[in-house]
C-alpha atoms as a PDB file:
ATOM      1  CA  MET A   1     -16.129 -37.896 -21.422  1.00  0.00           C
ATOM      2  CA  GLU A   2     -13.062 -35.710 -20.778  1.00  0.00           C
ATOM      3  CA  GLN A   3     -10.600 -35.222 -23.581  1.00  0.00           C
ATOM      4  CA  LYS A   4      -6.979 -35.934 -22.774  1.00  0.00           C
ATOM      5  CA  PRO A   5      -4.551 -33.145 -23.558  1.00  0.00           C
ATOM      6  CA  THR A   6      -2.469 -33.596 -26.638  1.00  0.00           C
ATOM      7  CA  ALA A   7       0.973 -32.309 -27.491  1.00  0.00           C
ATOM      8  CA  ALA A   8      -0.610 -29.633 -29.666  1.00  0.00           C
ATOM      9  CA  GLN A   9      -2.868 -28.523 -26.808  1.00  0.00           C
ATOM     10  CA  PRO A  10      -0.950 -28.426 -23.522  1.00  0.00           C
ATOM     11  CA  ALA A  11      -2.884 -29.014 -20.328  1.00  0.00           C
ATOM     12  CA  ARG A  12      -3.549 -25.943 -18.285  1.00  0.00           C
ATOM     13  CA  ALA A  13      -2.767 -26.072 -14.614  1.00  0.00           C
ATOM     14  CA  ALA A  14      -5.627 -25.347 -12.278  1.00  0.00           C
ATOM     15  CA  LYS A  15      -6.105 -21.650 -11.800  1.00  0.00           C
ATOM     16  CA  PRO A  16      -5.211 -20.331  -8.370  1.00  0.00           C
ATOM     17  CA  GLU A  17      -7.904 -19.090  -6.070  1.00  0.00           C
ATOM     18  CA  GLY A  18      -8.672 -15.386  -5.878  1.00  0.00           C
ATOM     19  CA  ASN A  19      -6.550 -13.192  -3.662  1.00  0.00           C
ATOM     20  CA  LYS A  20      -7.160 -13.342   0.070  1.00  0.00           C
ATOM     21  CA  VAL A  21      -5.355 -10.149   1.040  1.00  0.00           C
ATOM     22  CA  ALA A  22      -7.284  -8.129   3.595  1.00  0.00           C
ATOM     23  CA  GLY A  23      -7.727  -4.448   2.905  1.00  0.00           C
ATOM     24  CA  ILE A  24     -10.007  -1.524   2.118  1.00  0.00           C
ATOM     25  CA  LYS A  25     -11.387  -1.847  -1.387  1.00  0.00           C
ATOM     26  CA  ASN A  26     -12.901   1.638  -1.724  1.00  0.00           C
ATOM     27  CA  ALA A  27     -10.382   4.346  -0.798  1.00  0.00           C
ATOM     28  CA  PHE A  28     -12.902   7.072  -1.683  1.00  0.00           C
ATOM     29  CA  LEU A  29     -14.875   6.244   1.465  1.00  0.00           C
ATOM     30  CA  VAL A  30     -11.679   6.623   3.494  1.00  0.00           C
ATOM     31  CA  ILE A  31     -11.032  10.067   1.999  1.00  0.00           C
ATOM     32  CA  LEU A  32     -14.655  11.101   2.621  1.00  0.00           C
ATOM     33  CA  ALA A  33     -14.518   9.942   6.250  1.00  0.00           C
ATOM     34  CA  CYS A  34     -11.200  11.752   6.791  1.00  0.00           C
ATOM     35  CA  LEU A  35     -12.716  14.935   5.315  1.00  0.00           C
ATOM     36  CA  VAL A  36     -15.638  14.781   7.761  1.00  0.00           C
ATOM     37  CA  VAL A  37     -13.252  14.265  10.696  1.00  0.00           C
ATOM     38  CA  ALA A  38     -10.956  17.079   9.528  1.00  0.00           C
ATOM     39  CA  VAL A  39     -13.831  19.570   9.111  1.00  0.00           C
ATOM     40  CA  CYS A  40     -15.227  18.668  12.537  1.00  0.00           C
ATOM     41  CA  LEU A  41     -11.811  19.100  14.155  1.00  0.00           C
ATOM     42  CA  PHE A  42     -11.246  22.410  12.398  1.00  0.00           C
ATOM     43  CA  THR A  43     -14.675  23.808  13.273  1.00  0.00           C
ATOM     44  CA  PHE A  44     -15.393  22.489  16.750  1.00  0.00           C
ATOM     45  CA  TRP A  45     -11.923  22.074  18.243  1.00  0.00           C
ATOM     46  CA  PHE A  46      -9.398  24.367  16.580  1.00  0.00           C
ATOM     47  CA  GLY A  47     -12.017  27.090  16.149  1.00  0.00           C
ATOM     48  CA  HIS A  48     -13.454  26.833  19.669  1.00  0.00           C
ATOM     49  CA  GLU A  49     -13.680  30.137  21.501  1.00  0.00           C
ATOM     50  CA  SER A  50     -11.554  28.805  24.377  1.00  0.00           C
ATOM     51  CA  HIS A  51      -8.511  29.000  22.085  1.00  0.00           C
ATOM     52  CA  PHE A  52      -8.967  32.731  21.442  1.00  0.00           C
ATOM     53  CA  GLU A  53      -8.923  35.953  23.360  1.00  0.00           C
ATOM     54  CA  GLU A  54     -10.346  39.033  21.697  1.00  0.00           C
ATOM     55  CA  GLY A  55     -10.054  37.282  18.341  1.00  0.00           C
ATOM     56  CA  HIS A  56      -6.382  36.410  18.812  1.00  0.00           C
ATOM     57  CA  PRO A  57      -5.183  32.793  19.260  1.00  0.00           C
ATOM     58  CA  ILE A  58      -3.759  32.044  22.706  1.00  0.00           C
ATOM     59  CA  ASP A  59      -2.496  28.516  22.022  1.00  0.00           C
ATOM     60  CA  LEU A  60      -1.375  26.208  19.213  1.00  0.00           C
ATOM     61  CA  TRP A  61      -4.912  25.071  18.344  1.00  0.00           C
ATOM     62  CA  GLY A  62      -6.067  28.618  17.771  1.00  0.00           C
ATOM     63  CA  THR A  63      -2.989  29.305  15.664  1.00  0.00           C
ATOM     64  CA  ILE A  64      -3.799  26.288  13.491  1.00  0.00           C
ATOM     65  CA  TYR A  65      -7.329  27.607  13.041  1.00  0.00           C
ATOM     66  CA  LYS A  66      -5.847  30.824  11.710  1.00  0.00           C
ATOM     67  CA  GLY A  67      -4.339  28.771   8.886  1.00  0.00           C
ATOM     68  CA  GLY A  68      -7.573  29.237   6.970  1.00  0.00           C
ATOM     69  CA  PHE A  69      -9.752  26.995   4.843  1.00  0.00           C
ATOM     70  CA  ILE A  70      -6.743  25.123   3.389  1.00  0.00           C
ATOM     71  CA  VAL A  71      -6.053  23.554   6.807  1.00  0.00           C
ATOM     72  CA  PRO A  72      -8.969  21.048   6.801  1.00  0.00           C
ATOM     73  CA  ILE A  73      -8.002  20.039   3.255  1.00  0.00           C
ATOM     74  CA  LEU A  74      -4.435  19.355   4.362  1.00  0.00           C
ATOM     75  CA  GLN A  75      -5.698  17.545   7.455  1.00  0.00           C
ATOM     76  CA  THR A  76      -7.856  15.372   5.216  1.00  0.00           C
ATOM     77  CA  LEU A  77      -4.807  14.425   3.145  1.00  0.00           C
ATOM     78  CA  PHE A  78      -2.714  13.784   6.252  1.00  0.00           C
ATOM     79  CA  LEU A  79      -5.391  11.622   7.886  1.00  0.00           C
ATOM     80  CA  THR A  80      -5.851   9.716   4.615  1.00  0.00           C
ATOM     81  CA  VAL A  81      -2.140   8.885   4.516  1.00  0.00           C
ATOM     82  CA  ILE A  82      -2.263   7.663   8.125  1.00  0.00           C
ATOM     83  CA  VAL A  83      -5.385   5.512   7.604  1.00  0.00           C
ATOM     84  CA  LEU A  84      -4.145   3.963   4.354  1.00  0.00           C
ATOM     85  CA  SER A  85      -0.723   3.302   5.916  1.00  0.00           C
ATOM     86  CA  VAL A  86      -2.348   1.420   8.796  1.00  0.00           C
ATOM     87  CA  GLU A  87      -4.573  -0.398   6.289  1.00  0.00           C
ATOM     88  CA  ARG A  88      -1.535  -1.502   4.243  1.00  0.00           C
ATOM     89  CA  TRP A  89       0.225  -2.656   7.424  1.00  0.00           C
ATOM     90  CA  ILE A  90      -2.698  -4.921   8.291  1.00  0.00           C
ATOM     91  CA  ALA A  91      -3.083  -6.122   4.684  1.00  0.00           C
ATOM     92  CA  LEU A  92       0.594  -6.941   4.161  1.00  0.00           C
ATOM     93  CA  SER A  93       0.825  -8.600   7.575  1.00  0.00           C
ATOM     94  CA  SER A  94      -1.964 -10.971   6.536  1.00  0.00           C
ATOM     95  CA  ALA A  95      -0.283 -11.437   3.138  1.00  0.00           C
ATOM     96  CA  LYS A  96       2.987 -12.393   4.802  1.00  0.00           C
ATOM     97  CA  GLY A  97       1.322 -15.232   6.697  1.00  0.00           C
ATOM     98  CA  LYS A  98       2.517 -16.824   9.899  1.00  0.00           C
ATOM     99  CA  GLY A  99       6.172 -17.001  10.821  1.00  0.00           C
ATOM    100  CA  SER A 100       9.265 -15.957   8.911  1.00  0.00           C
ATOM    101  CA  ILE A 101       9.135 -15.831   5.114  1.00  0.00           C
ATOM    102  CA  GLU A 102      12.851 -16.700   4.958  1.00  0.00           C
ATOM    103  CA  LYS A 103      12.333 -19.876   7.020  1.00  0.00           C
ATOM    104  CA  PHE A 104       9.299 -20.817   4.945  1.00  0.00           C
ATOM    105  CA  VAL A 105      11.226 -20.441   1.682  1.00  0.00           C
ATOM    106  CA  ALA A 106      14.132 -22.448   3.078  1.00  0.00           C
ATOM    107  CA  GLY A 107      11.759 -25.190   4.272  1.00  0.00           C
ATOM    108  CA  VAL A 108      10.021 -25.465   0.898  1.00  0.00           C
ATOM    109  CA  LYS A 109      13.364 -25.650  -0.938  1.00  0.00           C
ATOM    110  CA  LYS A 110      14.565 -28.349   1.472  1.00  0.00           C
ATOM    111  CA  ASN A 111      11.434 -30.435   0.817  1.00  0.00           C
ATOM    112  CA  LEU A 112      11.838 -29.928  -2.931  1.00  0.00           C
ATOM    113  CA  GLN A 113      15.405 -31.207  -2.789  1.00  0.00           C
ATOM    114  CA  ALA A 114      14.107 -34.306  -1.013  1.00  0.00           C
ATOM    115  CA  ASN A 115      11.296 -34.588  -3.611  1.00  0.00           C
ATOM    116  CA  ASN A 116       8.793 -34.289  -0.752  1.00  0.00           C
ATOM    117  CA  ILE A 117       5.997 -32.347  -2.412  1.00  0.00           C
ATOM    118  CA  ALA A 118       3.470 -33.312   0.272  1.00  0.00           C
ATOM    119  CA  GLY A 119       5.781 -31.898   2.944  1.00  0.00           C
ATOM    120  CA  ALA A 120       6.136 -28.637   1.017  1.00  0.00           C
ATOM    121  CA  LYS A 121       2.348 -28.333   0.708  1.00  0.00           C
ATOM    122  CA  ASP A 122       1.983 -28.915   4.450  1.00  0.00           C
ATOM    123  CA  LEU A 123       4.331 -25.976   5.034  1.00  0.00           C
ATOM    124  CA  CYS A 124       2.082 -23.853   2.819  1.00  0.00           C
ATOM    125  CA  LYS A 125      -0.977 -24.776   4.887  1.00  0.00           C
ATOM    126  CA  LYS A 126       0.828 -23.788   8.099  1.00  0.00           C
ATOM    127  CA  GLN A 127       2.334 -20.567   6.713  1.00  0.00           C
ATOM    128  CA  LYS A 128      -0.774 -19.229   4.925  1.00  0.00           C
ATOM    129  CA  GLY A 129      -0.606 -15.822   3.285  1.00  0.00           C
ATOM    130  CA  VAL A 130       0.094 -14.744  -0.302  1.00  0.00           C
ATOM    131  CA  VAL A 131       3.487 -16.425  -0.729  1.00  0.00           C
ATOM    132  CA  ALA A 132       2.151 -19.718   0.588  1.00  0.00           C
ATOM    133  CA  ASP A 133      -0.909 -19.523  -1.704  1.00  0.00           C
ATOM    134  CA  VAL A 134       1.253 -18.933  -4.784  1.00  0.00           C
ATOM    135  CA  VAL A 135       3.665 -21.726  -3.828  1.00  0.00           C
ATOM    136  CA  ASN A 136       0.776 -24.090  -3.133  1.00  0.00           C
ATOM    137  CA  SER A 137      -0.672 -23.374  -6.605  1.00  0.00           C
ATOM    138  CA  ALA A 138       2.727 -24.071  -8.156  1.00  0.00           C
ATOM    139  CA  LEU A 139       3.092 -27.318  -6.194  1.00  0.00           C
ATOM    140  CA  THR A 140      -0.382 -28.422  -7.310  1.00  0.00           C
ATOM    141  CA  ALA A 141       0.682 -27.792 -10.906  1.00  0.00           C
ATOM    142  CA  TYR A 142       3.898 -29.735 -10.166  1.00  0.00           C
ATOM    143  CA  GLU A 143       1.867 -32.781  -9.103  1.00  0.00           C
ATOM    144  CA  GLU A 144      -0.392 -32.507 -12.144  1.00  0.00           C
ATOM    145  CA  MET A 145       2.572 -32.342 -14.513  1.00  0.00           C
ATOM    146  CA  ASP A 146       4.262 -35.210 -12.656  1.00  0.00           C
ATOM    147  CA  LYS A 147       1.246 -37.443 -13.372  1.00  0.00           C
ATOM    148  CA  ASN A 148       0.840 -36.279 -16.955  1.00  0.00           C
ATOM    149  CA  THR A 149       2.093 -38.825 -19.492  1.00  0.00           C
ATOM    150  CA  VAL A 150       1.098 -36.952 -22.668  1.00  0.00           C
ATOM    151  CA  LEU A 151       2.997 -33.661 -22.598  1.00  0.00           C
ATOM    152  CA  THR A 152       6.668 -33.345 -23.313  1.00  0.00           C
ATOM    153  CA  LYS A 153       9.103 -32.252 -20.638  1.00  0.00           C
ATOM    154  CA  GLU A 154       9.412 -28.789 -22.175  1.00  0.00           C
ATOM    155  CA  GLN A 155       5.636 -28.355 -22.193  1.00  0.00           C
ATOM    156  CA  LYS A 156       5.395 -29.423 -18.565  1.00  0.00           C
ATOM    157  CA  ILE A 157       8.086 -26.929 -17.537  1.00  0.00           C
ATOM    158  CA  ALA A 158       6.302 -24.193 -19.487  1.00  0.00           C
ATOM    159  CA  ASN A 159       3.044 -25.042 -17.701  1.00  0.00           C
ATOM    160  CA  LEU A 160       4.775 -24.852 -14.323  1.00  0.00           C
ATOM    161  CA  GLN A 161       6.253 -21.459 -15.136  1.00  0.00           C
ATOM    162  CA  LYS A 162       2.847 -20.259 -16.291  1.00  0.00           C
ATOM    163  CA  ALA A 163       1.200 -21.492 -13.087  1.00  0.00           C
ATOM    164  CA  VAL A 164       3.640 -19.456 -10.978  1.00  0.00           C
ATOM    165  CA  GLU A 165       3.185 -16.369 -13.152  1.00  0.00           C
ATOM    166  CA  GLU A 166      -0.624 -16.582 -13.070  1.00  0.00           C
ATOM    167  CA  ALA A 167      -0.720 -17.038  -9.287  1.00  0.00           C
ATOM    168  CA  THR A 168       1.666 -14.119  -8.781  1.00  0.00           C
ATOM    169  CA  ALA A 169      -0.228 -11.847 -11.185  1.00  0.00           C
ATOM    170  CA  LEU A 170      -3.468 -12.615  -9.352  1.00  0.00           C
ATOM    171  CA  GLN A 171      -2.058 -11.520  -5.992  1.00  0.00           C
ATOM    172  CA  MET A 172      -0.026  -8.444  -6.975  1.00  0.00           C
ATOM    173  CA  PRO A 173      -2.950  -6.001  -7.460  1.00  0.00           C
ATOM    174  CA  ALA A 174      -4.205  -6.776  -3.933  1.00  0.00           C
ATOM    175  CA  LEU A 175      -0.734  -6.195  -2.472  1.00  0.00           C
ATOM    176  CA  GLN A 176      -0.357  -2.819  -4.216  1.00  0.00           C
ATOM    177  CA  GLN A 177      -3.917  -1.679  -3.572  1.00  0.00           C
ATOM    178  CA  ASN A 178      -4.192   1.946  -2.292  1.00  0.00           C
ATOM    179  CA  LEU A 179      -0.440   2.540  -2.638  1.00  0.00           C
ATOM    180  CA  PRO A 180      -0.949   4.656  -5.804  1.00  0.00           C
ATOM    181  CA  ILE A 181      -3.125   6.980  -3.706  1.00  0.00           C
ATOM    182  CA  VAL A 182      -0.383   7.287  -1.075  1.00  0.00           C
ATOM    183  CA  ALA A 183       2.114   7.998  -3.868  1.00  0.00           C
ATOM    184  CA  THR A 184      -0.158  10.737  -5.218  1.00  0.00           C
ATOM    185  CA  LEU A 185      -0.427  12.327  -1.782  1.00  0.00           C
ATOM    186  CA  THR A 186       3.364  12.684  -1.588  1.00  0.00           C
ATOM    187  CA  THR A 187       3.104  15.437  -4.199  1.00  0.00           C
ATOM    188  CA  LEU A 188      -0.456  16.622  -3.604  1.00  0.00           C
ATOM    189  CA  GLY A 189       0.137  17.334   0.083  1.00  0.00           C
ATOM    190  CA  THR A 190       3.158  19.498  -0.688  1.00  0.00           C
ATOM    191  CA  LEU A 191       1.367  21.372  -3.476  1.00  0.00           C
ATOM    192  CA  VAL A 192      -1.746  22.088  -1.392  1.00  0.00           C
ATOM    193  CA  GLY A 193       0.509  23.256   1.449  1.00  0.00           C
ATOM    194  CA  LEU A 194       2.295  25.558  -0.996  1.00  0.00           C
ATOM    195  CA  LEU A 195      -1.056  26.930  -2.141  1.00  0.00           C
ATOM    196  CA  GLY A 196      -1.974  27.747   1.447  1.00  0.00           C
ATOM    197  CA  THR A 197       1.428  29.377   1.953  1.00  0.00           C
ATOM    198  CA  VAL A 198       0.959  31.591  -1.097  1.00  0.00           C
ATOM    199  CA  ILE A 199      -2.534  32.618   0.039  1.00  0.00           C
ATOM    200  CA  GLY A 200      -1.174  33.487   3.476  1.00  0.00           C
ATOM    201  CA  MET A 201       1.671  35.549   2.009  1.00  0.00           C
ATOM    202  CA  ILE A 202      -0.777  37.427  -0.232  1.00  0.00           C
ATOM    203  CA  LYS A 203      -2.768  38.416   2.847  1.00  0.00           C
ATOM    204  CA  SER A 204       0.436  39.491   4.591  1.00  0.00           C
ATOM    205  CA  PHE A 205       1.463  41.741   1.702  1.00  0.00           C
ATOM    206  CA  GLN A 206      -2.053  43.173   1.521  1.00  0.00           C
ATOM    207  CA  ALA A 207      -1.728  44.167   5.176  1.00  0.00           C
ATOM    208  CA  LEU A 208       1.653  45.785   4.505  1.00  0.00           C
ATOM    209  CA  ALA A 209       0.335  47.635   1.466  1.00  0.00           C
ATOM    210  CA  ALA A 210      -2.615  49.129   3.334  1.00  0.00           C
ATOM    211  CA  SER A 211      -2.611  52.901   3.542  1.00  0.00           C
ATOM    212  CA  GLY A 212      -1.261  54.327   6.774  1.00  0.00           C
ATOM    213  CA  ALA A 213       0.075  51.976   9.471  1.00  0.00           C
ATOM    214  CA  PRO A 214       0.029  48.292   8.526  1.00  0.00           C
ATOM    215  CA  ASP A 215      -2.707  46.216  10.148  1.00  0.00           C
ATOM    216  CA  SER A 216      -0.733  44.038  12.589  1.00  0.00           C
ATOM    217  CA  THR A 217      -3.668  41.662  13.068  1.00  0.00           C
ATOM    218  CA  GLU A 218      -4.048  41.045   9.345  1.00  0.00           C
ATOM    219  CA  LEU A 219      -0.294  40.725   8.993  1.00  0.00           C
ATOM    220  CA  SER A 220      -0.013  38.122  11.756  1.00  0.00           C
ATOM    221  CA  THR A 221      -3.012  36.237  10.373  1.00  0.00           C
ATOM    222  CA  GLY A 222      -1.430  36.032   6.931  1.00  0.00           C
ATOM    223  CA  ILE A 223       1.893  34.849   8.354  1.00  0.00           C
ATOM    224  CA  SER A 224       0.146  32.232  10.520  1.00  0.00           C
ATOM    225  CA  GLU A 225      -1.802  30.964   7.534  1.00  0.00           C
ATOM    226  CA  ALA A 226       1.372  30.685   5.471  1.00  0.00           C
ATOM    227  CA  LEU A 227       3.391  28.863   8.136  1.00  0.00           C
ATOM    228  CA  ILE A 228       0.635  26.497   9.292  1.00  0.00           C
ATOM    229  CA  ASN A 229      -0.112  25.394   5.745  1.00  0.00           C
ATOM    230  CA  THR A 230       3.599  24.962   5.021  1.00  0.00           C
ATOM    231  CA  ALA A 231       3.960  22.740   8.093  1.00  0.00           C
ATOM    232  CA  PHE A 232       0.951  20.556   7.255  1.00  0.00           C
ATOM    233  CA  GLY A 233       1.981  20.264   3.603  1.00  0.00           C
ATOM    234  CA  ILE A 234       5.539  19.182   4.439  1.00  0.00           C
ATOM    235  CA  ALA A 235       4.321  16.736   7.108  1.00  0.00           C
ATOM    236  CA  THR A 236       1.809  15.151   4.706  1.00  0.00           C
ATOM    237  CA  GLY A 237       4.332  14.821   1.869  1.00  0.00           C
ATOM    238  CA  ALA A 238       7.092  13.467   4.112  1.00  0.00           C
ATOM    239  CA  PHE A 239       4.881  10.885   5.818  1.00  0.00           C
ATOM    240  CA  ALA A 240       3.437   9.752   2.470  1.00  0.00           C
ATOM    241  CA  VAL A 241       6.932   9.279   0.978  1.00  0.00           C
ATOM    242  CA  ILE A 242       8.099   7.242   3.977  1.00  0.00           C
ATOM    243  CA  SER A 243       4.944   5.114   3.940  1.00  0.00           C
ATOM    244  CA  TYR A 244       5.045   4.474   0.180  1.00  0.00           C
ATOM    245  CA  ASN A 245       8.720   3.456   0.139  1.00  0.00           C
ATOM    246  CA  PHE A 246       8.323   1.287   3.241  1.00  0.00           C
ATOM    247  CA  TYR A 247       5.403  -0.729   1.854  1.00  0.00           C
ATOM    248  CA  THR A 248       6.893  -0.929  -1.637  1.00  0.00           C
ATOM    249  CA  ASN A 249       9.961  -2.531  -0.083  1.00  0.00           C
ATOM    250  CA  LYS A 250       7.793  -5.033   1.831  1.00  0.00           C
ATOM    251  CA  ILE A 251       5.967  -5.970  -1.388  1.00  0.00           C
ATOM    252  CA  ASP A 252       9.308  -6.401  -3.180  1.00  0.00           C
ATOM    253  CA  ASN A 253      10.449  -8.803  -0.449  1.00  0.00           C
ATOM    254  CA  LEU A 254       7.293 -10.893  -0.877  1.00  0.00           C
ATOM    255  CA  THR A 255       7.773 -10.886  -4.657  1.00  0.00           C
ATOM    256  CA  TYR A 256      11.415 -11.972  -4.324  1.00  0.00           C
ATOM    257  CA  ALA A 257      10.350 -14.854  -2.073  1.00  0.00           C
ATOM    258  CA  ILE A 258       7.748 -15.976  -4.637  1.00  0.00           C
ATOM    259  CA  ASP A 259      10.276 -15.748  -7.465  1.00  0.00           C
ATOM    260  CA  GLU A 260      12.862 -17.723  -5.494  1.00  0.00           C
ATOM    261  CA  VAL A 261      10.511 -20.579  -4.636  1.00  0.00           C
ATOM    262  CA  GLY A 262       8.961 -20.581  -8.118  1.00  0.00           C
ATOM    263  CA  TYR A 263      12.398 -20.871  -9.701  1.00  0.00           C
ATOM    264  CA  SER A 264      13.293 -23.727  -7.327  1.00  0.00           C
ATOM    265  CA  ILE A 265      10.095 -25.615  -8.188  1.00  0.00           C
ATOM    266  CA  VAL A 266      10.715 -25.341 -11.931  1.00  0.00           C
ATOM    267  CA  GLN A 267      14.399 -26.290 -11.608  1.00  0.00           C
ATOM    268  CA  THR A 268      13.593 -29.255  -9.376  1.00  0.00           C
ATOM    269  CA  PHE A 269      11.065 -30.538 -11.877  1.00  0.00           C
ATOM    270  CA  ALA A 270      13.542 -30.079 -14.740  1.00  0.00           C
ATOM    271  CA  ALA A 271      16.262 -31.937 -12.827  1.00  0.00           C
ATOM    272  CA  THR A 272      14.112 -34.886 -11.745  1.00  0.00           C
ATOM    273  CA  HIS A 273      12.150 -35.560 -14.925  1.00  0.00           C
END
């Protein structure tokens, strides 16, 4: 026989379901796959003999090949940023649900003002996504507290607030998944590019320091290596920064929507009970 909650032991709202955000769980496999693609491109495409004439590059692809062994590493980082950015786009699109978040929030608040909890839950079923899941969990807790005749009003409000916080905390890791890797690549890409630049400049100075006339081939190779690695490093860092800030802003918007609806649910309960 179930024990009824007492004032000393507040009832816990039903825990929300696990997160349903789509996304790649193991980023290491993404990095590994990007490395394989980068090495294949570097070896079989950029290094193909059709891009060279007497050992000298005759087009852009051959020039990239002259960038040296740092190039496939930088390409791996660049491809990783692209893949994880696309992955986050798909994941956050599914988290957003169907339709406009702003209209959904406005609709839920309108139903709350009319004390139409069933109508608000119907909106959650139609909207789907992370925000709708969190709101639905909070509305379920609202109904449970509404039927509870044991707890005090303050305890019920505290339970509602806790239900919103638990549902939000459950979803946030899935929303932010893989973004720390993108953030790391903003700096790592630039640093690896700088390493390649330094290596290329060392080769250039070695060519200049050679006894007699400087080796023009070695000099041009060193300069190519420096410039190609600089370009890839800057491109990787810049794209990673843009991607990270863009998706962080989208996550913030989802969080603000959850906070707004959660606050409305708690305030509506406090005003009507």
